[in-house]
N, C-alpha and C. Protein backbone atom coordinates (compact mmCIF):
# COMPACT_ATOMS: atom_id res chain seq x y z
N MET A 1 0.61 -1.12 -0.08
CA MET A 1 -0.08 0.18 -0.02
C MET A 1 0.81 1.36 -0.08
N ILE A 2 0.36 2.33 -0.50
CA ILE A 2 1.21 3.67 -0.57
C ILE A 2 0.34 4.52 0.16
N ALA A 3 1.08 5.54 0.83
CA ALA A 3 0.38 6.53 1.52
C ALA A 3 1.05 8.02 1.19
N LEU A 4 0.57 9.08 1.22
CA LEU A 4 0.85 10.12 1.01
C LEU A 4 1.00 11.21 1.84
N ASP A 5 2.14 11.82 1.94
CA ASP A 5 2.60 12.92 2.77
C ASP A 5 1.67 14.13 2.54
N THR A 6 1.42 15.17 2.99
CA THR A 6 0.53 16.57 2.63
C THR A 6 1.04 17.01 1.38
N HIS A 7 2.30 17.29 1.27
CA HIS A 7 2.90 18.00 -0.03
C HIS A 7 2.80 16.92 -1.17
N ALA A 8 2.82 15.68 -0.88
CA ALA A 8 2.59 14.67 -2.00
C ALA A 8 1.33 14.91 -2.62
N LEU A 9 0.22 14.88 -1.61
CA LEU A 9 -1.24 14.88 -1.94
C LEU A 9 -1.48 16.24 -2.91
N LEU A 10 -0.90 17.37 -2.22
CA LEU A 10 -1.15 18.66 -2.67
C LEU A 10 -0.47 18.32 -4.35
N TRP A 11 0.62 18.20 -4.53
CA TRP A 11 1.18 18.05 -5.80
C TRP A 11 0.72 17.19 -6.72
N TRP A 12 0.29 15.94 -6.21
CA TRP A 12 -0.15 14.77 -6.93
C TRP A 12 -1.36 15.26 -7.79
N VAL A 13 -2.25 16.05 -6.94
CA VAL A 13 -3.50 16.38 -7.68
C VAL A 13 -3.43 17.78 -8.42
N SER A 14 -2.51 18.61 -8.05
CA SER A 14 -2.16 19.77 -8.95
C SER A 14 -1.20 20.02 -9.92
N SER A 15 -0.11 19.49 -9.31
CA SER A 15 1.00 19.56 -10.22
C SER A 15 1.93 18.36 -10.43
N PRO A 16 1.46 17.25 -10.78
CA PRO A 16 2.07 15.80 -10.96
C PRO A 16 3.51 15.83 -11.24
N GLU A 17 3.86 16.91 -12.32
CA GLU A 17 5.09 16.83 -12.47
C GLU A 17 6.19 17.31 -11.45
N ARG A 18 5.92 17.79 -10.35
CA ARG A 18 6.52 17.99 -9.29
C ARG A 18 6.98 16.66 -8.50
N ILE A 19 6.40 15.73 -8.82
CA ILE A 19 6.77 14.54 -8.01
C ILE A 19 7.74 13.53 -8.74
N PRO A 20 8.85 13.16 -8.40
CA PRO A 20 9.90 12.93 -9.20
C PRO A 20 9.50 11.32 -9.86
N ALA A 21 9.84 11.09 -10.84
CA ALA A 21 9.50 9.79 -11.68
C ALA A 21 9.17 8.50 -10.94
N LYS A 22 10.13 8.06 -9.95
CA LYS A 22 9.98 6.92 -9.33
C LYS A 22 8.86 6.81 -8.40
N ALA A 23 8.62 7.94 -7.99
CA ALA A 23 7.30 7.98 -6.88
C ALA A 23 5.98 8.12 -7.83
N ARG A 24 5.96 8.85 -8.79
CA ARG A 24 4.97 9.05 -9.67
C ARG A 24 4.84 7.59 -10.30
N ARG A 25 5.55 6.90 -10.83
CA ARG A 25 5.29 5.48 -11.37
C ARG A 25 4.80 4.74 -10.57
N LEU A 26 5.20 4.68 -9.33
CA LEU A 26 4.36 3.95 -8.07
C LEU A 26 2.93 4.20 -7.79
N LEU A 27 2.76 5.67 -7.84
CA LEU A 27 1.44 6.15 -7.76
C LEU A 27 0.73 5.74 -8.84
N GLU A 28 0.93 5.97 -10.06
CA GLU A 28 0.30 5.64 -11.22
C GLU A 28 -0.04 4.20 -11.48
N SER A 29 0.87 3.14 -11.19
CA SER A 29 0.73 1.77 -10.94
C SER A 29 -0.34 1.40 -10.10
N SER A 30 -0.39 2.02 -8.80
CA SER A 30 -1.34 1.86 -7.51
C SER A 30 -2.89 1.88 -8.12
N VAL A 31 -2.69 3.22 -9.00
CA VAL A 31 -4.38 3.66 -9.59
C VAL A 31 -4.57 2.73 -10.57
N ALA A 32 -3.56 2.44 -11.54
CA ALA A 32 -3.87 1.50 -12.56
C ALA A 32 -4.41 0.11 -12.06
N GLU A 33 -3.80 -0.37 -11.08
CA GLU A 33 -4.18 -1.62 -10.49
C GLU A 33 -5.28 -1.70 -9.47
N LYS A 34 -5.78 -0.23 -9.29
CA LYS A 34 -6.90 -0.17 -8.57
C LYS A 34 -6.69 -0.48 -7.07
N ARG A 35 -5.55 -0.27 -6.79
CA ARG A 35 -5.19 -0.24 -5.32
C ARG A 35 -5.12 1.35 -4.48
N PRO A 36 -6.12 1.35 -3.58
CA PRO A 36 -6.10 2.83 -3.26
C PRO A 36 -5.00 3.39 -2.54
N VAL A 37 -4.79 4.51 -2.73
CA VAL A 37 -3.69 5.22 -2.12
C VAL A 37 -4.19 6.05 -0.68
N ALA A 38 -3.60 5.68 0.41
CA ALA A 38 -3.99 6.10 1.71
C ALA A 38 -3.50 7.49 2.01
N VAL A 39 -4.33 8.36 2.49
CA VAL A 39 -4.26 9.67 2.89
C VAL A 39 -4.85 9.87 4.39
N SER A 40 -3.92 10.30 5.44
CA SER A 40 -4.43 10.67 6.70
C SER A 40 -5.31 11.64 6.66
N SER A 41 -6.21 11.66 7.44
CA SER A 41 -7.41 12.61 7.92
C SER A 41 -6.78 13.82 8.18
N ILE A 42 -5.47 13.69 8.96
CA ILE A 42 -4.75 14.61 9.49
C ILE A 42 -4.18 15.57 8.31
N THR A 43 -3.86 15.13 7.04
CA THR A 43 -3.43 15.75 6.03
C THR A 43 -4.46 16.78 5.66
N LEU A 44 -5.77 16.57 5.74
CA LEU A 44 -6.79 17.70 5.39
C LEU A 44 -6.83 18.44 6.45
N TRP A 45 -6.63 18.33 7.49
CA TRP A 45 -6.66 19.42 8.50
C TRP A 45 -5.23 20.15 8.56
N GLU A 46 -4.09 19.50 8.00
CA GLU A 46 -2.90 20.36 7.95
C GLU A 46 -3.02 21.09 6.71
N ILE A 47 -3.54 20.87 5.68
CA ILE A 47 -3.83 21.66 4.49
C ILE A 47 -5.04 23.01 4.82
N ALA A 48 -6.00 22.74 5.61
CA ALA A 48 -6.85 23.65 6.09
C ALA A 48 -6.29 24.60 7.01
N MET A 49 -5.36 24.06 7.75
CA MET A 49 -4.47 25.09 8.70
C MET A 49 -3.73 26.00 7.73
N LEU A 50 -2.79 25.33 6.85
CA LEU A 50 -2.15 26.08 6.10
C LEU A 50 -2.89 27.29 5.30
N VAL A 51 -3.84 26.90 4.64
CA VAL A 51 -4.75 27.82 3.82
C VAL A 51 -5.01 28.96 5.03
N ASP A 52 -5.63 28.57 6.23
CA ASP A 52 -6.27 29.72 7.30
C ASP A 52 -5.02 30.66 7.69
N ARG A 53 -3.64 30.01 7.65
CA ARG A 53 -2.49 30.74 7.92
C ARG A 53 -2.29 31.62 6.70
N SER A 54 -2.57 31.43 5.75
CA SER A 54 -2.00 31.92 4.51
C SER A 54 -0.62 31.45 3.95
N ARG A 55 -0.41 30.29 4.49
CA ARG A 55 0.77 29.63 4.04
C ARG A 55 0.60 28.74 2.71
N LEU A 56 -0.49 28.68 2.39
CA LEU A 56 -1.07 27.74 0.99
C LEU A 56 -2.16 28.26 0.43
N GLU A 57 -2.15 28.67 -0.62
CA GLU A 57 -3.33 29.23 -1.51
C GLU A 57 -3.74 28.19 -2.35
N LEU A 58 -5.12 27.96 -2.22
CA LEU A 58 -5.79 26.95 -3.12
C LEU A 58 -6.48 27.82 -4.40
N THR A 59 -6.73 27.21 -5.39
CA THR A 59 -7.67 28.04 -6.37
C THR A 59 -9.22 28.09 -6.17
N VAL A 60 -9.30 27.34 -5.33
CA VAL A 60 -10.89 27.38 -4.74
C VAL A 60 -10.78 27.46 -3.09
N PRO A 61 -12.01 27.70 -2.66
CA PRO A 61 -12.07 27.36 -1.22
C PRO A 61 -11.66 26.13 -0.57
N VAL A 62 -11.11 25.91 0.58
CA VAL A 62 -10.54 24.76 1.19
C VAL A 62 -11.48 23.83 1.16
N ASP A 63 -12.73 24.18 1.57
CA ASP A 63 -13.85 22.95 1.66
C ASP A 63 -14.25 22.41 0.49
N VAL A 64 -14.12 23.20 -0.71
CA VAL A 64 -14.49 22.89 -2.02
C VAL A 64 -13.36 21.93 -2.62
N TRP A 65 -12.15 22.33 -2.27
CA TRP A 65 -11.03 21.62 -2.65
C TRP A 65 -11.02 20.14 -1.91
N ILE A 66 -11.16 20.13 -0.64
CA ILE A 66 -11.24 19.03 -0.05
C ILE A 66 -12.39 18.05 -0.55
N ALA A 67 -13.47 18.32 -0.84
CA ALA A 67 -14.61 17.68 -1.31
C ALA A 67 -14.32 17.16 -2.83
N ARG A 68 -13.55 17.96 -3.65
CA ARG A 68 -13.11 17.49 -4.80
C ARG A 68 -12.05 16.35 -4.53
N VAL A 69 -11.22 16.47 -3.68
CA VAL A 69 -10.18 15.39 -3.48
C VAL A 69 -10.80 14.20 -2.75
N GLU A 70 -11.69 14.25 -2.08
CA GLU A 70 -12.57 13.20 -1.32
C GLU A 70 -13.31 12.23 -2.35
N ASP A 71 -13.52 13.03 -3.44
CA ASP A 71 -14.16 12.17 -4.79
C ASP A 71 -13.55 11.60 -5.55
N LEU A 72 -12.34 11.82 -5.52
CA LEU A 72 -11.13 11.04 -6.37
C LEU A 72 -11.32 9.42 -5.89
N PRO A 73 -11.60 8.50 -6.83
CA PRO A 73 -11.83 7.32 -6.45
C PRO A 73 -10.64 6.42 -6.15
N TRP A 74 -9.59 6.94 -6.18
CA TRP A 74 -8.26 5.97 -6.10
C TRP A 74 -7.62 6.59 -4.73
N LEU A 75 -8.32 7.33 -3.74
CA LEU A 75 -7.88 7.90 -2.71
C LEU A 75 -8.67 7.20 -1.62
N SER A 76 -8.13 6.90 -0.58
CA SER A 76 -8.63 6.17 0.71
C SER A 76 -8.47 7.02 1.76
N PHE A 77 -9.20 7.68 2.54
CA PHE A 77 -8.85 8.77 3.79
C PHE A 77 -9.05 7.70 4.87
N VAL A 78 -7.94 7.78 5.95
CA VAL A 78 -7.91 7.10 7.12
C VAL A 78 -7.92 7.99 8.12
N PRO A 79 -8.96 7.98 9.04
CA PRO A 79 -9.34 8.78 10.00
C PRO A 79 -8.14 8.22 11.17
N VAL A 80 -8.09 9.40 11.86
CA VAL A 80 -7.20 9.27 12.99
C VAL A 80 -8.07 8.47 14.28
N ASP A 81 -7.45 7.22 14.58
CA ASP A 81 -8.18 6.59 15.37
C ASP A 81 -7.27 6.56 16.84
N ASN A 82 -7.63 5.71 17.82
CA ASN A 82 -6.96 5.70 18.82
C ASN A 82 -5.61 4.82 18.88
N ARG A 83 -5.84 4.09 17.89
CA ARG A 83 -4.29 3.48 17.67
C ARG A 83 -3.20 3.99 17.07
N ILE A 84 -3.75 4.85 16.12
CA ILE A 84 -2.99 5.82 15.39
C ILE A 84 -2.50 6.81 16.37
N ALA A 85 -3.26 7.45 17.27
CA ALA A 85 -2.98 8.43 18.12
C ALA A 85 -2.09 8.07 18.96
N VAL A 86 -2.03 6.91 19.65
CA VAL A 86 -1.11 6.11 20.46
C VAL A 86 0.16 6.10 19.83
N ARG A 87 0.27 5.25 18.65
CA ARG A 87 1.36 5.21 17.92
C ARG A 87 2.12 6.21 17.47
N ALA A 88 1.48 7.50 17.37
CA ALA A 88 2.10 8.57 17.07
C ALA A 88 3.21 9.26 18.17
N VAL A 89 2.38 9.05 19.40
CA VAL A 89 3.22 9.41 20.41
C VAL A 89 4.42 8.45 20.62
N ASN A 90 4.29 7.10 20.38
CA ASN A 90 5.47 6.23 20.76
C ASN A 90 6.28 5.80 19.72
N LEU A 91 6.32 6.78 18.76
CA LEU A 91 7.54 6.69 17.71
C LEU A 91 8.78 6.67 18.05
N GLU A 92 9.49 5.60 18.16
CA GLU A 92 10.86 5.30 18.70
C GLU A 92 11.99 6.36 17.79
N ALA A 93 12.72 6.90 18.29
CA ALA A 93 13.67 7.84 17.81
C ALA A 93 13.29 8.70 16.62
N PHE A 94 11.93 9.28 16.72
CA PHE A 94 11.46 10.02 15.43
C PHE A 94 12.04 11.18 15.55
N PRO A 95 12.34 11.77 14.21
CA PRO A 95 13.03 12.94 14.17
C PRO A 95 12.77 14.39 14.71
N HIS A 96 11.48 14.40 14.83
CA HIS A 96 11.16 15.93 15.13
C HIS A 96 9.65 15.62 15.96
N ARG A 97 9.06 16.97 16.27
CA ARG A 97 7.85 16.81 16.91
C ARG A 97 6.70 17.02 16.31
N ASP A 98 6.83 17.75 14.89
CA ASP A 98 5.42 18.05 14.38
C ASP A 98 4.48 17.04 14.46
N PRO A 99 3.25 17.33 15.06
CA PRO A 99 2.17 16.48 15.10
C PRO A 99 1.44 15.86 13.97
N ALA A 100 1.22 16.82 13.07
CA ALA A 100 0.76 16.15 11.82
C ALA A 100 1.93 15.23 11.21
N ASP A 101 2.98 15.20 11.03
CA ASP A 101 3.84 14.34 10.52
C ASP A 101 3.92 13.11 11.21
N ARG A 102 3.80 13.16 12.73
CA ARG A 102 3.65 12.01 13.63
C ARG A 102 2.40 11.20 13.21
N MET A 103 1.48 11.75 13.15
CA MET A 103 0.25 11.18 12.88
C MET A 103 0.18 10.51 11.29
N ILE A 104 0.78 11.40 10.26
CA ILE A 104 0.94 10.92 9.01
C ILE A 104 1.91 9.33 9.06
N VAL A 105 2.91 9.37 9.66
CA VAL A 105 3.79 8.35 9.81
C VAL A 105 3.22 7.25 10.56
N ALA A 106 2.70 7.52 11.72
CA ALA A 106 1.74 6.45 12.26
C ALA A 106 0.80 5.73 11.43
N THR A 107 0.12 6.53 10.54
CA THR A 107 -0.90 5.94 9.89
C THR A 107 -0.26 4.94 8.75
N ALA A 108 0.86 5.38 8.20
CA ALA A 108 1.75 4.75 7.24
C ALA A 108 2.20 3.31 7.98
N LEU A 109 2.62 3.45 9.14
CA LEU A 109 3.40 2.35 9.96
C LEU A 109 2.11 1.49 10.01
N GLY A 110 1.15 1.81 10.61
CA GLY A 110 -0.13 0.89 10.92
C GLY A 110 -0.73 0.23 9.73
N LEU A 111 -0.59 0.89 8.30
CA LEU A 111 -1.04 0.10 7.07
C LEU A 111 -0.03 -0.41 6.45
N ASN A 112 1.21 -0.58 7.23
CA ASN A 112 2.48 -1.26 6.47
C ASN A 112 2.83 -0.60 4.96
N ALA A 113 2.37 0.53 4.89
CA ALA A 113 2.54 1.24 3.60
C ALA A 113 3.71 2.08 3.49
N THR A 114 4.26 2.28 2.07
CA THR A 114 5.27 2.85 1.80
C THR A 114 4.98 4.73 1.85
N LEU A 115 5.28 5.55 2.21
CA LEU A 115 5.10 6.90 2.28
C LEU A 115 5.92 7.58 1.32
N VAL A 116 5.00 8.28 0.33
CA VAL A 116 5.54 9.12 -0.83
C VAL A 116 5.87 10.53 -0.05
N THR A 117 7.11 10.84 0.21
CA THR A 117 7.60 11.89 0.69
C THR A 117 8.72 12.67 0.16
N ALA A 118 8.76 13.90 0.14
CA ALA A 118 9.93 14.54 0.08
C ALA A 118 10.82 15.11 1.35
N ASP A 119 10.17 14.83 2.18
CA ASP A 119 10.71 15.30 3.55
C ASP A 119 11.87 14.50 4.01
N THR A 120 13.19 15.08 4.26
CA THR A 120 14.33 14.42 4.26
C THR A 120 14.43 13.88 5.63
N ARG A 121 13.83 14.25 6.62
CA ARG A 121 13.81 13.69 8.26
C ARG A 121 12.88 12.59 8.06
N LEU A 122 11.98 12.60 7.47
CA LEU A 122 10.96 11.57 7.17
C LEU A 122 11.47 10.14 6.46
N ARG A 123 12.20 10.56 5.46
CA ARG A 123 12.89 9.50 4.70
C ARG A 123 14.05 8.80 5.31
N ARG A 124 14.70 9.66 6.33
CA ARG A 124 15.67 8.90 7.10
C ARG A 124 15.26 8.06 8.24
N TYR A 125 14.17 8.22 8.62
CA TYR A 125 13.52 7.49 9.77
C TYR A 125 13.45 6.12 9.51
N ARG A 126 14.09 5.30 10.21
CA ARG A 126 14.53 3.70 9.60
C ARG A 126 13.50 2.96 9.79
N ALA A 127 12.25 3.15 10.63
CA ALA A 127 11.16 2.38 10.87
C ALA A 127 10.21 2.46 9.79
N LEU A 128 10.31 3.51 8.81
CA LEU A 128 9.19 3.64 7.69
C LEU A 128 9.93 3.64 6.48
N ARG A 129 9.27 2.95 5.71
CA ARG A 129 9.55 2.70 4.25
C ARG A 129 8.95 4.12 3.51
N THR A 130 9.83 4.81 2.60
CA THR A 130 9.53 5.78 1.93
C THR A 130 10.08 5.82 0.52
N VAL A 131 9.40 6.76 -0.35
CA VAL A 131 9.84 6.85 -1.58
C VAL A 131 9.71 8.33 -1.99
N TRP A 132 10.40 8.63 -2.90
CA TRP A 132 10.62 10.05 -3.52
C TRP A 132 11.32 9.87 -4.77
N ASP A 133 12.70 9.95 -4.79
CA ASP A 133 13.53 10.00 -5.97
C ASP A 133 14.36 8.65 -6.27
């Protein structure tokens, strides 16, 4: 299974050319084989927060953007449940404190998924499989 970091979701739906060929091929093969690509619900929270803080600008209101993304048939949204919340706290030797990143990583680990991310800190986290370039 494949999971997406926040920027990977944003780029994949709006500027897929920003995703390196290796990661893009993996995503495209998942879609072609009708294997859902997982997205933590915390990612949508993070996008809404970035828009609210004027750190991200979308071409439509955030609620419209989220509704359109939710309609994409190849995405599977994973709510933050109790297991994910606890796993996010207990990530051994995790490289930083960002709560959204912790939830995204905990979601990917719980799904035994490979995380598509450009974040070098996450890519160096040995407990997590990642792909980018």
